[in-house]
Amino acid sequence: MRTRVAVMSIIVESGEAVEPLNAILHEYGEFIIGRMGIPYRAKKINIISIAIDAPQDVISALAGKVGGLAGVSVKTAYSSVTGDGEQP
């Protein structure tokens, strides 16, 4: 299974989206390398970065589900690094 390394940037503007977002990320947990969340209290938003190593269709499906949540926006940056899906 060919995989790609990517980074997803997620902006959460609605507190109601937090629980469904965490459920989606948990569903894809086997592909997530790391996650960093920053609450930006002054603007009442949360900023989340997800590093992922997964097949292209899995990355696209995750981004689609996350982007489909009300009050959430997502952008994905892809590395040219590919592999066989094995994580160290």
Protein backbone atom coordinates (compact mmCIF):
# COMPACT_ATOMS: atom_id res chain seq x y z
CA MET A 1 0.00 0.00 0.00
CA ARG A 2 1.61 3.27 -1.17
CA THR A 3 1.29 6.11 1.28
CA ARG A 4 2.02 9.82 1.30
CA VAL A 5 3.07 12.09 4.12
CA ALA A 6 0.87 15.14 4.57
CA VAL A 7 -0.01 17.84 7.07
CA MET A 8 -3.58 18.96 7.68
CA SER A 9 -4.30 22.38 9.12
CA ILE A 10 -7.69 22.58 10.80
CA ILE A 11 -9.42 25.69 12.12
CA VAL A 12 -12.33 25.07 14.48
CA GLU A 13 -14.64 28.06 14.88
CA SER A 14 -17.56 26.22 16.50
CA GLY A 15 -17.37 24.54 19.89
CA GLU A 16 -20.12 22.18 18.76
CA ALA A 17 -17.74 20.70 16.18
CA VAL A 18 -15.11 19.58 18.70
CA GLU A 19 -16.70 16.26 19.68
CA PRO A 20 -17.51 15.08 16.14
CA LEU A 21 -14.05 16.23 14.98
CA ASN A 22 -12.34 14.19 17.71
CA ALA A 23 -14.46 11.16 16.74
CA ILE A 24 -13.34 11.47 13.10
CA LEU A 25 -9.68 11.85 14.08
CA HIS A 26 -9.96 8.82 16.36
CA GLU A 27 -11.39 6.82 13.43
CA TYR A 28 -8.24 7.61 11.41
CA GLY A 29 -5.85 7.26 14.36
CA GLU A 30 -3.84 4.43 12.82
CA PHE A 31 -2.59 6.84 10.11
CA ILE A 32 -1.92 9.87 12.29
CA ILE A 33 1.75 10.42 13.11
CA GLY A 34 1.17 13.35 15.45
CA ARG A 35 -1.32 16.02 16.42
CA MET A 36 -0.92 19.50 17.89
CA GLY A 37 -3.80 21.62 19.09
CA ILE A 38 -3.61 25.28 20.01
CA PRO A 39 -6.57 27.04 21.64
CA TYR A 40 -6.57 30.68 20.52
CA ARG A 41 -8.74 32.09 23.27
CA ALA A 42 -8.54 35.71 22.13
CA LYS A 43 -10.28 34.76 18.85
CA LYS A 44 -12.35 31.91 20.33
CA ILE A 45 -11.03 29.37 17.83
CA ASN A 46 -8.88 26.23 17.95
CA ILE A 47 -6.02 25.54 15.56
CA ILE A 48 -5.08 21.90 14.99
CA SER A 49 -2.23 20.43 12.93
CA ILE A 50 -2.27 16.76 11.98
CA ALA A 51 0.74 14.93 10.50
CA ILE A 52 -0.43 11.86 8.59
CA ASP A 53 1.10 8.98 6.62
CA ALA A 54 -1.65 7.29 4.64
CA PRO A 55 -2.81 6.33 1.15
CA GLN A 56 -3.98 9.29 -0.93
CA ASP A 57 -7.64 8.19 -0.80
CA VAL A 58 -7.55 7.95 3.01
CA ILE A 59 -6.10 11.46 3.33
CA SER A 60 -8.76 12.80 0.97
CA ALA A 61 -11.55 11.00 2.85
CA LEU A 62 -10.34 12.38 6.19
CA ALA A 63 -10.10 15.92 4.82
CA GLY A 64 -13.58 15.60 3.30
CA LYS A 65 -15.14 14.44 6.56
CA VAL A 66 -13.40 17.13 8.59
CA GLY A 67 -14.26 19.84 6.07
CA GLY A 68 -17.88 18.72 6.08
CA LEU A 69 -18.31 19.69 9.72
CA ALA A 70 -20.07 22.99 10.31
CA GLY A 71 -17.71 25.62 11.71
CA VAL A 72 -14.56 23.75 10.61
CA SER A 73 -12.17 24.47 7.74
CA VAL A 74 -9.27 22.29 6.61
CA LYS A 75 -6.34 22.55 4.19
CA THR A 76 -3.88 19.78 3.35
CA ALA A 77 -0.26 20.12 2.26
CA TYR A 78 1.35 17.05 0.69
CA SER A 79 4.97 16.00 0.82
CA SER A 80 6.58 14.36 -2.17
CA VAL A 81 7.68 11.60 0.24
CA THR A 82 5.94 8.30 -0.40
CA GLY A 83 6.37 4.92 1.21
CA ASP A 84 4.93 1.52 1.88
CA GLY A 85 2.90 2.59 4.91
CA GLU A 86 5.34 1.29 7.51
CA GLN A 87 5.83 3.72 10.35
CA PRO A 88 8.94 3.57 12.58
